[in-house]
Amino acid sequence: MKRLGLTMLVFLLAGTALAAELPAERLERNQELLDQDKLLMEKLNTEERVFVKSIVFKGDNSVPSGVLFGLFTPYEGHWLTDKEMRQIIRLITEEYRKAGKTVDSDSFVFRVEGGILEITASTGQ
């Protein structure tokens, strides 16, 4: 009987110790996740963003406007970084190459004014 009581006491103490470790591990993991979120938010806050209501394309019409509209739609109505606006230029460049034009990203210039991202083709080809 004493042995059974001692065994139960050992299991009870071991269970209590395990239960105490679980919340500590969870707290540590939660803190890691919070730290990762904080770093991400700091990165987002350091990149300058501008709100782009719409995107307008001017210049060479070698690529159908419907194709360009399809490229622009996911970006309209969002806060964009310079890097994201340059990504749009890369997508346009790919479409122009598919259309047989010899272009690079420097063939297009962009500016944002009043929430409108204006992209101008300076291909001349």
C-alpha atoms as a PDB file:
ATOM      1  CA  MET A   1       0.000   0.000   0.000  1.00  0.00           C
ATOM      2  CA  LYS A   2       2.835   2.363   0.862  1.00  0.00           C
ATOM      3  CA  ARG A   3       4.477   1.472  -2.422  1.00  0.00           C
ATOM      4  CA  LEU A   4       1.301   2.320  -4.376  1.00  0.00           C
ATOM      5  CA  GLY A   5       0.999   5.627  -2.561  1.00  0.00           C
ATOM      6  CA  LEU A   6       4.651   6.420  -3.246  1.00  0.00           C
ATOM      7  CA  THR A   7       4.256   5.517  -6.921  1.00  0.00           C
ATOM      8  CA  MET A   8       1.182   7.739  -7.229  1.00  0.00           C
ATOM      9  CA  LEU A   9       3.036  10.574  -5.528  1.00  0.00           C
ATOM     10  CA  VAL A  10       5.950  10.218  -8.000  1.00  0.00           C
ATOM     11  CA  PHE A  11       3.551  10.297 -10.987  1.00  0.00           C
ATOM     12  CA  LEU A  12       1.697  13.239  -9.525  1.00  0.00           C
ATOM     13  CA  LEU A  13       4.908  15.225  -9.030  1.00  0.00           C
ATOM     14  CA  ALA A  14       6.218  14.280 -12.491  1.00  0.00           C
ATOM     15  CA  GLY A  15       2.923  15.327 -14.067  1.00  0.00           C
ATOM     16  CA  THR A  16       3.042  18.665 -12.250  1.00  0.00           C
ATOM     17  CA  ALA A  17       6.616  19.253 -13.458  1.00  0.00           C
ATOM     18  CA  LEU A  18       5.642  18.449 -17.068  1.00  0.00           C
ATOM     19  CA  ALA A  19       2.618  20.690 -16.857  1.00  0.00           C
ATOM     20  CA  ALA A  20       4.830  23.511 -15.593  1.00  0.00           C
ATOM     21  CA  GLU A  21       7.263  23.022 -18.508  1.00  0.00           C
ATOM     22  CA  LEU A  22       4.571  23.170 -21.199  1.00  0.00           C
ATOM     23  CA  PRO A  23       3.423  26.717 -20.427  1.00  0.00           C
ATOM     24  CA  ALA A  24       7.066  27.843 -20.180  1.00  0.00           C
ATOM     25  CA  GLU A  25       7.782  26.381 -23.641  1.00  0.00           C
ATOM     26  CA  ARG A  26       4.632  27.987 -25.028  1.00  0.00           C
ATOM     27  CA  LEU A  27       5.549  31.327 -23.506  1.00  0.00           C
ATOM     28  CA  GLU A  28       8.999  31.117 -25.058  1.00  0.00           C
ATOM     29  CA  ARG A  29       7.530  30.232 -28.480  1.00  0.00           C
ATOM     30  CA  ASN A  30       4.968  33.034 -28.191  1.00  0.00           C
ATOM     31  CA  GLN A  31       7.762  35.485 -27.411  1.00  0.00           C
ATOM     32  CA  GLU A  32       9.694  34.288 -30.488  1.00  0.00           C
ATOM     33  CA  LEU A  33       6.618  34.857 -32.655  1.00  0.00           C
ATOM     34  CA  LEU A  34       6.065  38.302 -31.166  1.00  0.00           C
ATOM     35  CA  ASP A  35       9.700  39.201 -31.854  1.00  0.00           C
ATOM     36  CA  GLN A  36       9.333  38.047 -35.477  1.00  0.00           C
ATOM     37  CA  ASP A  37       6.157  40.127 -35.870  1.00  0.00           C
ATOM     38  CA  LYS A  38       7.916  43.151 -34.401  1.00  0.00           C
ATOM     39  CA  LEU A  39      10.808  42.815 -36.872  1.00  0.00           C
ATOM     40  CA  LEU A  40       8.377  42.495 -39.767  1.00  0.00           C
ATOM     41  CA  MET A  41       6.429  45.567 -38.687  1.00  0.00           C
ATOM     42  CA  GLU A  42       9.656  47.562 -38.327  1.00  0.00           C
ATOM     43  CA  LYS A  43      10.650  46.548 -41.848  1.00  0.00           C
ATOM     44  CA  LEU A  44       7.246  47.527 -43.227  1.00  0.00           C
ATOM     45  CA  ASN A  45       7.369  50.864 -41.446  1.00  0.00           C
ATOM     46  CA  THR A  46      10.841  51.737 -42.762  1.00  0.00           C
ATOM     47  CA  GLU A  47       9.904  51.249 -46.417  1.00  0.00           C
ATOM     48  CA  GLU A  48       8.252  54.359 -47.807  1.00  0.00           C
ATOM     49  CA  ARG A  49       4.880  53.567 -49.319  1.00  0.00           C
ATOM     50  CA  VAL A  50       2.478  55.565 -51.435  1.00  0.00           C
ATOM     51  CA  PHE A  51      -1.191  54.866 -51.950  1.00  0.00           C
ATOM     52  CA  VAL A  52      -1.981  54.052 -55.576  1.00  0.00           C
ATOM     53  CA  LYS A  53      -5.651  54.499 -56.474  1.00  0.00           C
ATOM     54  CA  SER A  54      -5.125  53.701 -60.118  1.00  0.00           C
ATOM     55  CA  ILE A  55      -2.454  53.055 -62.714  1.00  0.00           C
ATOM     56  CA  VAL A  56      -2.318  54.833 -66.075  1.00  0.00           C
ATOM     57  CA  PHE A  57      -0.121  53.760 -68.983  1.00  0.00           C
ATOM     58  CA  LYS A  58       0.975  56.161 -71.721  1.00  0.00           C
ATOM     59  CA  GLY A  59       3.034  55.738 -74.828  1.00  0.00           C
ATOM     60  CA  ASP A  60       3.713  52.807 -77.126  1.00  0.00           C
ATOM     61  CA  ASN A  61       0.657  50.576 -77.537  1.00  0.00           C
ATOM     62  CA  SER A  62       2.395  47.417 -78.763  1.00  0.00           C
ATOM     63  CA  VAL A  63       0.811  45.501 -75.882  1.00  0.00           C
ATOM     64  CA  PRO A  64      -2.997  45.463 -75.800  1.00  0.00           C
ATOM     65  CA  SER A  65      -4.467  47.624 -73.035  1.00  0.00           C
ATOM     66  CA  GLY A  66      -6.428  44.626 -71.714  1.00  0.00           C
ATOM     67  CA  VAL A  67      -3.173  42.788 -71.023  1.00  0.00           C
ATOM     68  CA  LEU A  68      -1.752  45.813 -69.211  1.00  0.00           C
ATOM     69  CA  PHE A  69      -4.976  46.287 -67.266  1.00  0.00           C
ATOM     70  CA  GLY A  70      -4.650  42.685 -66.076  1.00  0.00           C
ATOM     71  CA  LEU A  71      -1.137  43.430 -64.826  1.00  0.00           C
ATOM     72  CA  PHE A  72      -2.208  46.595 -63.001  1.00  0.00           C
ATOM     73  CA  THR A  73      -5.381  45.433 -61.284  1.00  0.00           C
ATOM     74  CA  PRO A  74      -3.734  43.558 -58.378  1.00  0.00           C
ATOM     75  CA  TYR A  75      -1.752  46.682 -57.459  1.00  0.00           C
ATOM     76  CA  GLU A  76      -4.482  49.315 -57.657  1.00  0.00           C
ATOM     77  CA  GLY A  77      -5.987  50.479 -54.386  1.00  0.00           C
ATOM     78  CA  HIS A  78      -2.934  49.476 -52.345  1.00  0.00           C
ATOM     79  CA  TRP A  79       0.019  51.069 -50.583  1.00  0.00           C
ATOM     80  CA  LEU A  80       3.050  50.335 -52.752  1.00  0.00           C
ATOM     81  CA  THR A  81       6.774  50.573 -52.199  1.00  0.00           C
ATOM     82  CA  ASP A  82       9.247  51.683 -54.854  1.00  0.00           C
ATOM     83  CA  LYS A  83      10.246  48.034 -55.212  1.00  0.00           C
ATOM     84  CA  GLU A  84       6.647  47.013 -55.953  1.00  0.00           C
ATOM     85  CA  MET A  85       6.273  49.776 -58.547  1.00  0.00           C
ATOM     86  CA  ARG A  86       9.468  48.585 -60.204  1.00  0.00           C
ATOM     87  CA  GLN A  87       8.003  45.070 -60.222  1.00  0.00           C
ATOM     88  CA  ILE A  88       5.106  46.423 -62.314  1.00  0.00           C
ATOM     89  CA  ILE A  89       7.676  47.844 -64.744  1.00  0.00           C
ATOM     90  CA  ARG A  90       9.344  44.414 -64.961  1.00  0.00           C
ATOM     91  CA  LEU A  91       5.982  42.813 -65.758  1.00  0.00           C
ATOM     92  CA  ILE A  92       5.328  45.387 -68.496  1.00  0.00           C
ATOM     93  CA  THR A  93       8.826  44.799 -69.878  1.00  0.00           C
ATOM     94  CA  GLU A  94       8.116  41.056 -70.131  1.00  0.00           C
ATOM     95  CA  GLU A  95       4.905  41.718 -72.065  1.00  0.00           C
ATOM     96  CA  TYR A  96       6.699  44.041 -74.487  1.00  0.00           C
ATOM     97  CA  ARG A  97       9.359  41.416 -75.082  1.00  0.00           C
ATOM     98  CA  LYS A  98       6.641  38.854 -75.805  1.00  0.00           C
ATOM     99  CA  ALA A  99       5.297  41.324 -78.372  1.00  0.00           C
ATOM    100  CA  GLY A 100       8.707  41.356 -80.072  1.00  0.00           C
ATOM    101  CA  LYS A 101       9.970  44.690 -78.729  1.00  0.00           C
ATOM    102  CA  THR A 102      13.565  45.188 -77.664  1.00  0.00           C
ATOM    103  CA  VAL A 103      13.099  46.851 -74.304  1.00  0.00           C
ATOM    104  CA  ASP A 104      14.416  46.830 -70.787  1.00  0.00           C
ATOM    105  CA  SER A 105      13.159  48.300 -67.532  1.00  0.00           C
ATOM    106  CA  ASP A 106      14.803  51.622 -68.414  1.00  0.00           C
ATOM    107  CA  SER A 107      12.390  51.901 -71.353  1.00  0.00           C
ATOM    108  CA  PHE A 108       9.655  52.910 -68.908  1.00  0.00           C
ATOM    109  CA  VAL A 109       9.452  55.727 -66.399  1.00  0.00           C
ATOM    110  CA  PHE A 110       6.942  56.198 -63.635  1.00  0.00           C
ATOM    111  CA  ARG A 111       5.741  58.816 -61.227  1.00  0.00           C
ATOM    112  CA  VAL A 112       2.970  59.007 -58.648  1.00  0.00           C
ATOM    113  CA  GLU A 113       0.840  62.086 -58.301  1.00  0.00           C
ATOM    114  CA  GLY A 114      -2.484  62.373 -56.515  1.00  0.00           C
ATOM    115  CA  GLY A 115      -2.686  58.621 -56.002  1.00  0.00           C
ATOM    116  CA  ILE A 116      -2.254  57.898 -59.721  1.00  0.00           C
ATOM    117  CA  LEU A 117       0.741  55.860 -60.796  1.00  0.00           C
ATOM    118  CA  GLU A 118       1.589  57.045 -64.299  1.00  0.00           C
ATOM    119  CA  ILE A 119       3.837  54.789 -66.340  1.00  0.00           C
ATOM    120  CA  THR A 120       5.181  56.116 -69.628  1.00  0.00           C
ATOM    121  CA  ALA A 121       6.789  54.032 -72.346  1.00  0.00           C
ATOM    122  CA  SER A 122       9.825  55.667 -73.857  1.00  0.00           C
ATOM    123  CA  THR A 123      10.553  52.768 -76.217  1.00  0.00           C
ATOM    124  CA  GLY A 124      10.478  54.712 -79.468  1.00  0.00           C
ATOM    125  CA  GLN A 125      10.491  51.377 -81.330  1.00  0.00           C
END
